[in-house]
């Protein structure tokens, strides 16, 4: 169930996605929040340079592994503008992070990109639950997903 605190953090993810887009990158942003609600780390996509593993969820998982105990990680929440890809979901699981909340789903992204005439990714758009067991997942959030869709439209218009 999505609450006001969740919405606040998801809005920040969308702001970070806008920053990525402004820097010429794909529009994705993520925030790591402790069990008591403190923002611990945040990042946006850095794939424009050619390394397509530079997703913000990977950066947050690495940060968490180096800066949090396993118990702290299990109680933390990762917020994202878009549902974790399989690589990021696996990193989340390996590091032992807790809940995931996303504004837009992988299924939505695949549909949007198809509507925009983009070629399908080589990586299958698996849901988080297909990659990681025993992780609480909430999303998508319809009122925010449309904002994410608009960012992807802008991103794809720039590529053409």
N, C-alpha and C. Protein backbone atom coordinates (compact mmCIF):
# COMPACT_ATOMS: atom_id res chain seq x y z
N UNK A 1 0.84 -1.18 0.00
CA UNK A 1 0.00 0.00 0.00
C UNK A 1 0.89 1.26 0.00
N UNK A 2 0.60 2.17 -0.90
CA UNK A 2 1.39 3.39 -1.06
C UNK A 2 0.84 4.48 -0.13
N UNK A 3 1.75 5.09 0.66
CA UNK A 3 1.34 6.17 1.57
C UNK A 3 1.98 7.50 1.13
N UNK A 4 1.72 8.56 1.90
CA UNK A 4 2.24 9.89 1.55
C UNK A 4 3.76 9.93 1.53
N UNK A 5 4.40 9.24 2.45
CA UNK A 5 5.86 9.19 2.49
C UNK A 5 6.39 8.52 1.21
N UNK A 6 5.75 7.43 0.82
CA UNK A 6 6.14 6.75 -0.42
C UNK A 6 6.04 7.70 -1.61
N UNK A 7 4.94 8.43 -1.68
CA UNK A 7 4.74 9.37 -2.80
C UNK A 7 5.82 10.45 -2.82
N UNK A 8 6.20 10.93 -1.65
CA UNK A 8 7.26 11.95 -1.57
C UNK A 8 8.56 11.41 -2.16
N UNK A 9 8.92 10.19 -1.78
CA UNK A 9 10.18 9.61 -2.28
C UNK A 9 10.09 9.27 -3.77
N UNK A 10 8.93 8.81 -4.21
CA UNK A 10 8.77 8.53 -5.64
C UNK A 10 8.86 9.82 -6.46
N UNK A 11 8.33 10.90 -5.94
CA UNK A 11 8.45 12.19 -6.66
C UNK A 11 9.91 12.60 -6.78
N UNK A 12 10.69 12.33 -5.74
CA UNK A 12 12.13 12.62 -5.81
C UNK A 12 12.79 11.76 -6.88
N UNK A 13 12.37 10.51 -7.00
CA UNK A 13 12.90 9.64 -8.05
C UNK A 13 12.63 10.23 -9.43
N UNK A 14 11.44 10.76 -9.62
CA UNK A 14 11.10 11.37 -10.90
C UNK A 14 11.94 12.62 -11.13
N UNK A 15 12.21 13.39 -10.09
CA UNK A 15 13.11 14.55 -10.22
C UNK A 15 14.49 14.09 -10.66
N UNK A 16 14.98 13.01 -10.07
CA UNK A 16 16.29 12.47 -10.45
C UNK A 16 16.29 11.95 -11.88
N UNK A 17 15.17 11.37 -12.31
CA UNK A 17 15.04 10.92 -13.70
C UNK A 17 15.12 12.12 -14.64
N UNK A 18 14.53 13.24 -14.24
CA UNK A 18 14.61 14.47 -15.05
C UNK A 18 16.05 14.96 -15.14
N UNK A 19 16.78 14.88 -14.04
CA UNK A 19 18.20 15.26 -14.04
C UNK A 19 18.97 14.40 -15.03
N UNK A 20 18.71 13.10 -15.00
CA UNK A 20 19.38 12.19 -15.94
C UNK A 20 19.07 12.61 -17.38
N UNK A 21 17.82 12.88 -17.65
CA UNK A 21 17.40 13.29 -18.99
C UNK A 21 18.09 14.59 -19.41
N UNK A 22 18.16 15.55 -18.49
CA UNK A 22 18.83 16.83 -18.77
C UNK A 22 20.31 16.64 -19.08
N UNK A 23 20.90 15.58 -18.52
CA UNK A 23 22.32 15.28 -18.76
C UNK A 23 22.52 14.38 -19.98
N UNK A 24 21.42 14.14 -20.73
CA UNK A 24 21.52 13.33 -21.93
C UNK A 24 21.44 11.84 -21.69
N UNK A 25 20.93 11.46 -20.55
CA UNK A 25 20.84 10.05 -20.19
C UNK A 25 19.40 9.57 -20.21
N UNK A 26 19.21 8.28 -20.05
CA UNK A 26 17.87 7.72 -19.96
C UNK A 26 17.24 8.12 -18.63
N UNK A 27 15.94 8.41 -18.61
CA UNK A 27 15.30 8.97 -17.41
C UNK A 27 14.91 7.95 -16.34
N UNK A 28 15.87 7.64 -15.49
CA UNK A 28 15.61 6.77 -14.34
C UNK A 28 16.27 7.37 -13.12
N UNK A 29 15.58 7.31 -11.98
CA UNK A 29 16.13 7.81 -10.72
C UNK A 29 15.68 6.93 -9.58
N UNK A 30 16.52 6.84 -8.54
CA UNK A 30 16.24 5.97 -7.39
C UNK A 30 16.72 6.60 -6.09
N UNK A 31 16.05 6.22 -5.00
CA UNK A 31 16.36 6.72 -3.67
C UNK A 31 16.36 5.56 -2.68
N UNK A 32 17.35 5.52 -1.80
CA UNK A 32 17.43 4.53 -0.73
C UNK A 32 17.06 5.20 0.58
N UNK A 33 16.08 4.62 1.29
CA UNK A 33 15.55 5.21 2.52
C UNK A 33 15.65 4.20 3.65
N UNK A 34 16.13 4.66 4.80
CA UNK A 34 16.27 3.79 5.97
C UNK A 34 14.91 3.46 6.57
N UNK A 35 14.91 2.52 7.50
CA UNK A 35 13.68 2.11 8.19
C UNK A 35 13.01 3.27 8.92
N UNK A 36 13.81 4.24 9.38
CA UNK A 36 13.22 5.38 10.10
C UNK A 36 12.91 6.57 9.18
N UNK A 37 13.02 6.37 7.86
CA UNK A 37 12.61 7.40 6.90
C UNK A 37 13.69 8.34 6.42
N UNK A 38 14.94 8.13 6.84
CA UNK A 38 16.04 8.99 6.38
C UNK A 38 16.48 8.60 4.98
N UNK A 39 16.66 9.59 4.12
CA UNK A 39 17.22 9.34 2.79
C UNK A 39 18.71 9.11 2.97
N UNK A 40 19.18 7.93 2.57
CA UNK A 40 20.58 7.55 2.75
C UNK A 40 21.43 7.80 1.52
N UNK A 41 20.83 7.58 0.35
CA UNK A 41 21.57 7.75 -0.90
C UNK A 41 20.56 7.89 -2.03
N UNK A 42 20.98 8.52 -3.11
CA UNK A 42 20.14 8.65 -4.29
C UNK A 42 21.04 8.73 -5.51
N UNK A 43 20.48 8.38 -6.67
CA UNK A 43 21.26 8.42 -7.90
C UNK A 43 20.30 8.40 -9.09
N UNK A 44 20.88 8.62 -10.27
CA UNK A 44 20.13 8.53 -11.52
C UNK A 44 20.96 7.74 -12.51
N UNK A 45 20.37 7.44 -13.65
CA UNK A 45 21.04 6.65 -14.68
C UNK A 45 22.32 7.33 -15.17
N UNK A 46 23.31 6.50 -15.48
CA UNK A 46 24.59 6.98 -16.03
C UNK A 46 25.01 6.10 -17.21
N UNK A 47 24.06 5.70 -18.04
CA UNK A 47 24.37 4.77 -19.13
C UNK A 47 24.76 5.45 -20.43
N UNK A 48 24.63 6.77 -20.52
CA UNK A 48 24.88 7.48 -21.77
C UNK A 48 26.31 7.29 -22.27
N UNK A 49 27.25 7.01 -21.36
CA UNK A 49 28.63 6.80 -21.76
C UNK A 49 28.89 5.44 -22.40
N UNK A 50 27.87 4.58 -22.43
CA UNK A 50 28.02 3.28 -23.07
C UNK A 50 28.00 2.09 -22.13
N UNK A 51 28.21 2.32 -20.83
CA UNK A 51 28.16 1.22 -19.86
C UNK A 51 26.72 1.10 -19.35
N UNK A 52 26.00 0.15 -19.92
CA UNK A 52 24.58 0.01 -19.60
C UNK A 52 24.33 -0.71 -18.28
N UNK A 53 25.38 -0.90 -17.48
CA UNK A 53 25.19 -1.43 -16.12
C UNK A 53 25.14 -0.31 -15.09
N UNK A 54 25.26 0.93 -15.52
CA UNK A 54 25.30 2.07 -14.60
C UNK A 54 23.90 2.57 -14.23
N UNK A 55 23.09 1.63 -13.72
CA UNK A 55 21.74 1.97 -13.27
C UNK A 55 21.79 2.47 -11.83
N UNK A 56 20.88 3.36 -11.44
CA UNK A 56 20.92 3.89 -10.08
C UNK A 56 20.69 2.83 -9.01
N UNK A 57 19.88 1.81 -9.32
CA UNK A 57 19.61 0.77 -8.32
C UNK A 57 20.87 -0.03 -8.00
N UNK A 58 21.74 -0.21 -8.98
CA UNK A 58 23.02 -0.89 -8.75
C UNK A 58 23.89 -0.04 -7.83
N UNK A 59 23.95 1.25 -8.12
CA UNK A 59 24.74 2.16 -7.28
C UNK A 59 24.24 2.14 -5.84
N UNK A 60 22.92 2.14 -5.65
CA UNK A 60 22.37 2.12 -4.29
C UNK A 60 22.65 0.79 -3.60
N UNK A 61 22.57 -0.31 -4.33
CA UNK A 61 22.88 -1.62 -3.74
C UNK A 61 24.33 -1.67 -3.29
N UNK A 62 25.23 -1.14 -4.12
CA UNK A 62 26.65 -1.12 -3.74
C UNK A 62 26.88 -0.22 -2.53
N UNK A 63 26.22 0.93 -2.52
CA UNK A 63 26.35 1.83 -1.38
C UNK A 63 25.86 1.14 -0.11
N UNK A 64 24.73 0.50 -0.19
CA UNK A 64 24.15 -0.19 0.97
C UNK A 64 25.07 -1.30 1.47
N UNK A 65 25.66 -2.04 0.55
CA UNK A 65 26.55 -3.14 0.94
C UNK A 65 27.76 -2.62 1.72
N UNK A 66 28.23 -1.44 1.36
CA UNK A 66 29.42 -0.89 2.01
C UNK A 66 29.14 -0.03 3.23
N UNK A 67 27.89 0.35 3.44
CA UNK A 67 27.60 1.33 4.49
C UNK A 67 26.51 0.94 5.49
N UNK A 68 25.89 -0.21 5.28
CA UNK A 68 24.79 -0.62 6.16
C UNK A 68 25.00 -2.07 6.63
N UNK A 69 24.51 -2.38 7.80
CA UNK A 69 24.52 -3.77 8.25
C UNK A 69 23.47 -4.55 7.48
N UNK A 70 23.55 -5.85 7.52
CA UNK A 70 22.55 -6.66 6.82
C UNK A 70 21.15 -6.41 7.40
N UNK A 71 21.06 -6.21 8.70
CA UNK A 71 19.76 -5.93 9.32
C UNK A 71 19.21 -4.58 8.84
N UNK A 72 20.07 -3.56 8.77
CA UNK A 72 19.62 -2.24 8.28
C UNK A 72 19.17 -2.34 6.82
N UNK A 73 19.91 -3.09 6.02
CA UNK A 73 19.54 -3.25 4.61
C UNK A 73 18.18 -3.93 4.46
N UNK A 74 17.92 -4.93 5.27
CA UNK A 74 16.67 -5.67 5.15
C UNK A 74 15.45 -4.84 5.50
N UNK A 75 15.66 -3.76 6.26
CA UNK A 75 14.55 -2.90 6.66
C UNK A 75 14.46 -1.62 5.82
N UNK A 76 15.40 -1.43 4.92
CA UNK A 76 15.43 -0.23 4.06
C UNK A 76 14.47 -0.40 2.88
N UNK A 77 14.14 0.71 2.25
CA UNK A 77 13.28 0.72 1.07
C UNK A 77 14.01 1.40 -0.08
N UNK A 78 13.91 0.81 -1.26
CA UNK A 78 14.42 1.42 -2.47
C UNK A 78 13.23 1.90 -3.28
N UNK A 79 13.24 3.18 -3.59
CA UNK A 79 12.21 3.81 -4.42
C UNK A 79 12.81 4.04 -5.80
N UNK A 80 12.02 3.80 -6.84
CA UNK A 80 12.52 3.98 -8.20
C UNK A 80 11.44 4.57 -9.10
N UNK A 81 11.89 5.32 -10.09
CA UNK A 81 10.95 5.86 -11.08
C UNK A 81 10.40 4.74 -11.95
N UNK A 82 11.20 3.72 -12.17
CA UNK A 82 10.79 2.56 -12.97
C UNK A 82 11.17 1.28 -12.27
N UNK A 83 10.34 0.26 -12.46
CA UNK A 83 10.58 -1.05 -11.84
C UNK A 83 11.99 -1.53 -12.16
N UNK A 84 12.63 -2.17 -11.19
CA UNK A 84 13.97 -2.72 -11.38
C UNK A 84 14.01 -3.64 -12.61
N UNK A 85 15.07 -3.53 -13.38
CA UNK A 85 15.33 -4.50 -14.43
C UNK A 85 15.85 -5.78 -13.75
N UNK A 86 16.01 -6.88 -14.47
CA UNK A 86 16.50 -8.11 -13.83
C UNK A 86 17.86 -7.95 -13.16
N UNK A 87 18.77 -7.18 -13.79
CA UNK A 87 20.10 -6.97 -13.20
C UNK A 87 19.99 -6.26 -11.86
N UNK A 88 19.18 -5.22 -11.81
CA UNK A 88 19.03 -4.44 -10.58
C UNK A 88 18.27 -5.22 -9.52
N UNK A 89 17.27 -5.98 -9.93
CA UNK A 89 16.54 -6.81 -8.98
C UNK A 89 17.47 -7.83 -8.34
N UNK A 90 18.34 -8.43 -9.15
CA UNK A 90 19.30 -9.40 -8.61
C UNK A 90 20.26 -8.73 -7.62
N UNK A 91 20.76 -7.55 -7.96
CA UNK A 91 21.66 -6.84 -7.04
C UNK A 91 20.93 -6.54 -5.73
N UNK A 92 19.69 -6.10 -5.83
CA UNK A 92 18.87 -5.82 -4.65
C UNK A 92 18.76 -7.07 -3.78
N UNK A 93 18.48 -8.21 -4.42
CA UNK A 93 18.36 -9.47 -3.69
C UNK A 93 19.67 -9.93 -3.08
N UNK A 94 20.76 -9.86 -3.84
CA UNK A 94 22.05 -10.32 -3.33
C UNK A 94 22.50 -9.50 -2.12
N UNK A 95 22.23 -8.21 -2.14
CA UNK A 95 22.64 -7.32 -1.04
C UNK A 95 21.68 -7.44 0.15
N UNK A 96 20.48 -7.94 -0.08
CA UNK A 96 19.53 -8.14 1.00
C UNK A 96 18.73 -6.91 1.38
N UNK A 97 18.49 -6.04 0.39
CA UNK A 97 17.68 -4.86 0.66
C UNK A 97 16.22 -5.27 0.85
N UNK A 98 15.45 -4.42 1.51
CA UNK A 98 14.06 -4.70 1.82
C UNK A 98 13.11 -4.31 0.70
N UNK A 99 12.10 -3.59 1.05
CA UNK A 99 11.00 -3.24 0.16
C UNK A 99 11.43 -2.44 -1.07
N UNK A 100 10.69 -2.64 -2.16
CA UNK A 100 10.88 -1.88 -3.40
C UNK A 100 9.55 -1.21 -3.73
N UNK A 101 9.61 0.08 -4.07
CA UNK A 101 8.43 0.83 -4.49
C UNK A 101 8.79 1.53 -5.80
N UNK A 102 7.95 1.33 -6.83
CA UNK A 102 8.24 1.96 -8.12
C UNK A 102 7.03 2.69 -8.67
N UNK A 103 7.32 3.76 -9.43
CA UNK A 103 6.26 4.58 -10.02
C UNK A 103 5.67 3.94 -11.27
N UNK A 104 6.52 3.36 -12.12
CA UNK A 104 6.05 2.74 -13.36
C UNK A 104 6.66 1.35 -13.49
N UNK A 105 5.92 0.46 -14.13
CA UNK A 105 6.36 -0.94 -14.24
C UNK A 105 7.16 -1.19 -15.51
N UNK A 106 7.87 -2.29 -15.51
CA UNK A 106 8.59 -2.73 -16.71
C UNK A 106 7.61 -3.01 -17.84
N UNK A 107 6.47 -3.58 -17.50
CA UNK A 107 5.44 -3.85 -18.50
C UNK A 107 4.97 -2.56 -19.17
N UNK A 108 4.78 -1.52 -18.37
CA UNK A 108 4.38 -0.23 -18.93
C UNK A 108 5.47 0.31 -19.84
N UNK A 109 6.73 0.23 -19.40
CA UNK A 109 7.84 0.75 -20.20
C UNK A 109 7.92 0.04 -21.55
N UNK A 110 7.80 -1.28 -21.55
CA UNK A 110 7.84 -2.04 -22.80
C UNK A 110 6.72 -1.56 -23.73
N UNK A 111 5.54 -1.37 -23.19
CA UNK A 111 4.41 -0.90 -24.01
C UNK A 111 4.68 0.49 -24.56
N UNK A 112 5.16 1.40 -23.70
CA UNK A 112 5.43 2.77 -24.15
C UNK A 112 6.47 2.80 -25.25
N UNK A 113 7.56 2.05 -25.07
CA UNK A 113 8.63 2.05 -26.06
C UNK A 113 8.15 1.47 -27.38
N UNK A 114 7.31 0.44 -27.31
CA UNK A 114 6.73 -0.15 -28.52
C UNK A 114 5.87 0.88 -29.24
N UNK A 115 5.06 1.61 -28.49
CA UNK A 115 4.21 2.66 -29.09
C UNK A 115 5.05 3.74 -29.75
N UNK A 116 6.25 3.96 -29.25
CA UNK A 116 7.14 4.98 -29.79
C UNK A 116 8.00 4.45 -30.94
N UNK A 117 7.82 3.16 -31.28
CA UNK A 117 8.56 2.57 -32.39
C UNK A 117 9.98 2.18 -32.05
N UNK A 118 10.28 2.03 -30.77
CA UNK A 118 11.63 1.64 -30.34
C UNK A 118 11.79 0.13 -30.44
N UNK A 119 13.00 -0.31 -30.72
CA UNK A 119 13.26 -1.75 -30.77
C UNK A 119 13.27 -2.33 -29.36
N UNK A 120 12.87 -3.58 -29.27
CA UNK A 120 12.79 -4.26 -27.99
C UNK A 120 14.19 -4.52 -27.43
N UNK A 121 14.33 -4.41 -26.12
CA UNK A 121 15.61 -4.65 -25.45
C UNK A 121 16.03 -6.11 -25.58
N UNK A 122 17.32 -6.35 -25.57
CA UNK A 122 17.85 -7.72 -25.58
C UNK A 122 17.58 -8.41 -24.25
N UNK A 123 17.41 -7.63 -23.18
CA UNK A 123 17.18 -8.18 -21.84
C UNK A 123 15.67 -8.31 -21.64
N UNK A 124 15.25 -9.48 -21.20
CA UNK A 124 13.82 -9.71 -20.97
C UNK A 124 13.31 -8.84 -19.83
N UNK A 125 12.13 -8.28 -19.97
CA UNK A 125 11.56 -7.40 -18.93
C UNK A 125 10.86 -8.21 -17.83
N UNK A 126 11.63 -8.96 -17.07
CA UNK A 126 11.07 -9.76 -15.99
C UNK A 126 10.63 -8.87 -14.84
N UNK A 127 9.56 -9.26 -14.17
CA UNK A 127 9.15 -8.51 -12.98
C UNK A 127 10.14 -8.80 -11.85
N UNK A 128 10.16 -7.93 -10.88
CA UNK A 128 11.05 -8.11 -9.73
C UNK A 128 10.80 -9.46 -9.07
N UNK A 129 9.54 -9.83 -8.91
CA UNK A 129 9.19 -11.08 -8.23
C UNK A 129 9.66 -12.32 -8.99
N UNK A 130 9.89 -12.19 -10.31
CA UNK A 130 10.43 -13.31 -11.08
C UNK A 130 11.93 -13.49 -10.83
N UNK A 131 12.57 -12.47 -10.28
CA UNK A 131 14.02 -12.50 -10.06
C UNK A 131 14.36 -12.72 -8.59
N UNK A 132 13.63 -12.05 -7.69
CA UNK A 132 13.95 -12.07 -6.26
C UNK A 132 12.75 -12.62 -5.48
N UNK A 133 13.05 -13.53 -4.57
CA UNK A 133 12.00 -14.06 -3.69
C UNK A 133 11.91 -13.23 -2.43
N UNK A 134 10.74 -13.30 -1.81
CA UNK A 134 10.55 -12.73 -0.47
C UNK A 134 10.91 -11.25 -0.35
N UNK A 135 10.55 -10.48 -1.36
CA UNK A 135 10.75 -9.03 -1.30
C UNK A 135 9.39 -8.35 -1.46
N UNK A 136 9.11 -7.44 -0.56
CA UNK A 136 7.87 -6.68 -0.64
C UNK A 136 8.00 -5.66 -1.77
N UNK A 137 7.04 -5.67 -2.70
CA UNK A 137 7.09 -4.80 -3.87
C UNK A 137 5.75 -4.09 -4.02
N UNK A 138 5.81 -2.77 -4.23
CA UNK A 138 4.61 -1.97 -4.46
C UNK A 138 4.81 -1.11 -5.70
N UNK A 139 3.83 -1.10 -6.57
CA UNK A 139 3.85 -0.30 -7.77
C UNK A 139 3.10 -1.04 -8.86
N UNK A 140 2.80 -0.40 -9.94
CA UNK A 140 3.05 1.00 -10.25
C UNK A 140 2.06 1.94 -9.55
N UNK A 141 2.35 3.23 -9.65
CA UNK A 141 1.50 4.27 -9.07
C UNK A 141 0.96 5.09 -10.25
N UNK A 142 -0.30 4.85 -10.63
CA UNK A 142 -0.85 5.45 -11.86
C UNK A 142 -0.66 6.96 -11.98
N UNK A 143 -0.85 7.70 -10.90
CA UNK A 143 -0.75 9.16 -11.01
C UNK A 143 0.69 9.63 -11.26
N UNK A 144 1.67 8.79 -10.98
CA UNK A 144 3.07 9.14 -11.26
C UNK A 144 3.59 8.48 -12.53
N UNK A 145 3.03 7.35 -12.90
CA UNK A 145 3.49 6.63 -14.09
C UNK A 145 3.37 7.49 -15.34
N UNK A 146 2.34 8.30 -15.42
CA UNK A 146 2.18 9.15 -16.60
C UNK A 146 3.32 10.17 -16.70
N UNK A 147 3.81 10.66 -15.57
CA UNK A 147 4.96 11.58 -15.59
C UNK A 147 6.19 10.87 -16.13
N UNK A 148 6.38 9.62 -15.72
CA UNK A 148 7.52 8.83 -16.19
C UNK A 148 7.38 8.59 -17.69
N UNK A 149 6.18 8.29 -18.14
CA UNK A 149 5.94 8.08 -19.57
C UNK A 149 6.37 9.31 -20.37
N UNK A 150 6.02 10.50 -19.89
CA UNK A 150 6.39 11.73 -20.59
C UNK A 150 7.90 11.90 -20.67
N UNK A 151 8.61 11.53 -19.62
CA UNK A 151 10.07 11.61 -19.65
C UNK A 151 10.65 10.67 -20.71
N UNK A 152 10.08 9.48 -20.83
CA UNK A 152 10.56 8.55 -21.85
C UNK A 152 10.24 9.06 -23.26
N UNK A 153 9.12 9.71 -23.41
CA UNK A 153 8.80 10.32 -24.71
C UNK A 153 9.85 11.36 -25.07
N UNK A 154 10.20 12.21 -24.10
CA UNK A 154 11.23 13.23 -24.34
C UNK A 154 12.56 12.59 -24.68
N UNK A 155 12.92 11.55 -23.94
CA UNK A 155 14.18 10.85 -24.16
C UNK A 155 14.24 10.27 -25.57
N UNK A 156 13.18 9.62 -25.98
CA UNK A 156 13.17 8.99 -27.30
C UNK A 156 13.10 10.00 -28.42
N UNK A 157 12.45 11.13 -28.19
CA UNK A 157 12.42 12.19 -29.21
C UNK A 157 13.83 12.74 -29.45
N UNK A 158 14.63 12.81 -28.40
CA UNK A 158 16.02 13.32 -28.54
C UNK A 158 16.88 12.35 -29.33
N UNK A 159 16.61 11.07 -29.19
CA UNK A 159 17.42 10.05 -29.88
C UNK A 159 17.19 10.03 -31.38
N UNK A 160 16.03 10.52 -31.80
CA UNK A 160 15.68 10.42 -33.23
C UNK A 160 16.23 11.55 -34.03
